Every structure is written in C-alpha cells, then in structure tokens.
Protein backbone atom coordinates (compact mmCIF):
# COMPACT_ATOMS: atom_id res chain seq x y z
CA MET A 1 -55.54 4.98 -12.56
CA VAL A 2 -54.67 1.93 -10.66
CA GLU A 3 -51.28 0.76 -11.01
CA ASN A 4 -50.33 -3.41 -11.59
CA GLU A 5 -48.44 -3.27 -8.31
CA GLN A 6 -51.71 -2.00 -6.31
CA ILE A 7 -53.95 -4.58 -7.90
CA VAL A 8 -50.85 -7.12 -7.11
CA ASN A 9 -50.83 -6.04 -3.28
CA LYS A 10 -54.35 -6.12 -2.91
CA ILE A 11 -54.44 -9.88 -4.66
CA VAL A 12 -52.01 -10.87 -1.73
CA GLU A 13 -54.06 -9.51 1.00
CA GLY A 14 -57.47 -11.63 -0.50
CA ILE A 15 -55.49 -14.41 -0.62
CA GLN A 16 -54.22 -13.87 3.22
CA GLU A 17 -57.71 -12.84 4.09
CA LYS A 18 -58.51 -16.63 3.25
CA LYS A 19 -55.22 -18.35 4.78
CA GLY A 20 -53.86 -18.92 1.30
CA LYS A 21 -50.54 -20.60 1.15
CA ARG A 22 -47.36 -20.64 -0.41
CA ILE A 23 -48.09 -17.53 -2.08
CA VAL A 24 -45.76 -16.31 -5.29
CA VAL A 25 -45.39 -12.96 -7.15
CA VAL A 26 -43.70 -13.67 -10.35
CA ASP A 27 -42.87 -10.44 -11.93
CA MET A 28 -42.37 -10.52 -15.65
CA SER A 29 -42.47 -7.14 -16.38
CA ASP A 30 -38.93 -7.04 -17.91
CA LEU A 31 -39.42 -10.08 -20.13
CA GLN A 32 -40.18 -9.75 -23.21
CA GLU A 33 -41.85 -12.59 -24.25
CA ALA A 34 -43.90 -12.94 -21.20
CA PRO A 35 -47.68 -13.31 -21.91
CA CYS A 36 -48.10 -10.25 -18.97
CA SER A 37 -46.57 -8.81 -16.60
CA TYR A 38 -47.47 -10.74 -13.02
CA PHE A 39 -48.64 -13.85 -12.21
CA VAL A 40 -49.62 -14.53 -8.65
CA ILE A 41 -49.34 -18.00 -7.31
CA CYS A 42 -50.84 -19.40 -4.07
CA GLU A 43 -52.57 -22.46 -3.41
CA GLY A 44 -55.11 -23.93 -1.09
CA ASP A 45 -56.05 -27.16 1.16
CA SER A 46 -59.04 -28.51 -0.88
CA ARG A 47 -61.70 -27.24 -3.28
CA VAL A 48 -63.75 -25.36 -0.92
CA HIS A 49 -60.59 -23.49 0.53
CA VAL A 50 -59.30 -22.70 -3.37
CA GLY A 51 -62.43 -21.57 -4.33
CA ALA A 52 -62.78 -19.01 -1.17
CA ILE A 53 -59.33 -18.18 -2.10
CA ALA A 54 -60.33 -16.96 -5.50
CA HIS A 55 -63.91 -15.69 -4.28
CA SER A 56 -61.75 -13.83 -1.29
CA ILE A 57 -59.69 -12.29 -3.90
CA LYS A 58 -61.96 -10.91 -6.41
CA ASP A 59 -64.21 -9.48 -3.57
CA TRP A 60 -61.47 -7.93 -1.80
CA VAL A 61 -59.71 -6.18 -5.10
CA ARG A 62 -63.23 -4.61 -6.04
CA ASP A 63 -63.84 -3.59 -2.90
CA GLU A 64 -60.56 -2.12 -1.84
CA ILE A 65 -59.47 -0.58 -5.62
CA LYS A 66 -62.91 -1.26 -7.29
CA VAL A 67 -60.86 -3.38 -9.79
CA LYS A 68 -63.03 -6.39 -11.34
CA PRO A 69 -61.04 -9.19 -13.24
CA TYR A 70 -61.69 -9.67 -17.09
CA ALA A 71 -62.69 -13.83 -16.66
CA ILE A 72 -62.30 -16.04 -14.03
CA ASP A 73 -61.98 -19.76 -15.23
CA GLY A 74 -62.18 -23.27 -13.52
CA LEU A 75 -64.42 -22.47 -10.23
CA GLU A 76 -66.08 -25.75 -11.16
CA ASN A 77 -63.80 -28.10 -9.69
CA ALA A 78 -61.58 -25.82 -7.89
CA GLU A 79 -57.96 -27.59 -8.54
CA TRP A 80 -56.64 -24.73 -10.32
CA ILE A 81 -58.85 -21.51 -10.69
CA ALA A 82 -56.96 -18.91 -13.42
CA MET A 83 -57.93 -15.11 -12.41
CA ASP A 84 -57.39 -12.41 -15.65
CA TYR A 85 -56.85 -9.04 -14.02
CA GLY A 86 -55.40 -7.76 -17.52
CA GLN A 87 -51.30 -7.47 -17.21
CA ILE A 88 -52.01 -9.52 -13.91
CA ILE A 89 -53.03 -13.43 -13.90
CA VAL A 90 -53.56 -14.77 -10.70
CA HIS A 91 -53.46 -18.72 -10.25
CA VAL A 92 -54.95 -20.51 -7.00
CA PHE A 93 -54.20 -24.15 -7.06
CA GLN A 94 -54.74 -27.45 -5.00
CA ARG A 95 -51.19 -28.61 -4.11
CA ALA A 96 -51.23 -31.57 -6.26
CA PRO A 97 -52.18 -29.64 -9.41
CA ARG A 98 -49.56 -26.93 -8.41
CA GLU A 99 -46.39 -29.17 -7.83
CA PHE A 100 -47.54 -30.81 -11.36
CA TYR A 101 -47.55 -27.94 -13.20
CA ASP A 102 -45.15 -26.19 -11.51
CA ILE A 103 -45.71 -22.67 -13.34
CA GLU A 104 -43.75 -20.49 -11.29
CA HIS A 105 -40.41 -22.13 -12.15
CA LEU A 106 -41.22 -22.26 -15.82
CA TRP A 107 -40.74 -18.43 -15.78
CA GLU A 108 -37.45 -18.82 -13.43
CA ASP A 109 -35.78 -16.06 -15.12
CA ALA A 110 -38.65 -13.44 -13.60
CA LYS A 111 -38.15 -11.81 -10.14
CA LEU A 112 -39.75 -14.36 -7.68
CA THR A 113 -41.14 -13.13 -4.96
CA GLU A 114 -42.65 -15.45 -2.02
CA ILE A 115 -44.69 -14.00 0.43
CA GLU A 116 -44.34 -15.82 4.10
CA ASP A 117 -47.82 -17.56 5.03
CA ILE A 118 -50.31 -16.31 7.51
CA ILE A 119 -50.10 -18.62 10.28
C-alpha cells in the first residue's frame, strides 16, 4: 500500500513538472476536525497552465506509483481544479481565485510547508 507522504511527494513532482507556482503542503493529520490528512495547493498563470498542471499531476502520480484520483472537478473552467486522492486533496488555482479563497490560511493551525518554485 502506498503511504500518504509518498503520494504527496509525487503530487508535488507532478506540479513541478509543469512549473506550478507557490506550492504549499498543508499537513492536517494531527487535527481532529480536518476533512482529510493533506491539502496540496498550487497555482498556475492561466486556464491552460492550470489545466496542464492538473493533467501532469494525474499522469505523474499514476505513472510513478500507480495511484489514480477518485475524482477531479473544475477542469471545464480551470480557475480552481480540485483532485481527490482520498486523504489528500489537491487544489490547483489561478492566482485571483486562490487569493480570494485563501484556503491554506483556513487551516493555519496545521503544519504548512512551502515548496520553493522551480525557475
């Protein structure tokens, strides 16, 4: 069985493959009221970029560790794509919706890890 941390690492690699920006891993595994164990949040520059990041995550995780998402929502408008990996939810945003919803700070009592952008 694949561990959550391994899936999170492969998700981050999939994001980096398409130059996703401002990656934050929100570890909620110690919080009782959390909806899941992890959020992985990132952003892209446009609808096309956000869509490419989401497809990269799906393909990368499937090819590297044989794990598929249970569901993906938001591909149509690609402003905010949510990907459900069970205990891990991935949020791929365009900048404006990310700043508006600011979901990583809704869980600021969780452990937030910022991943440096690949230039």
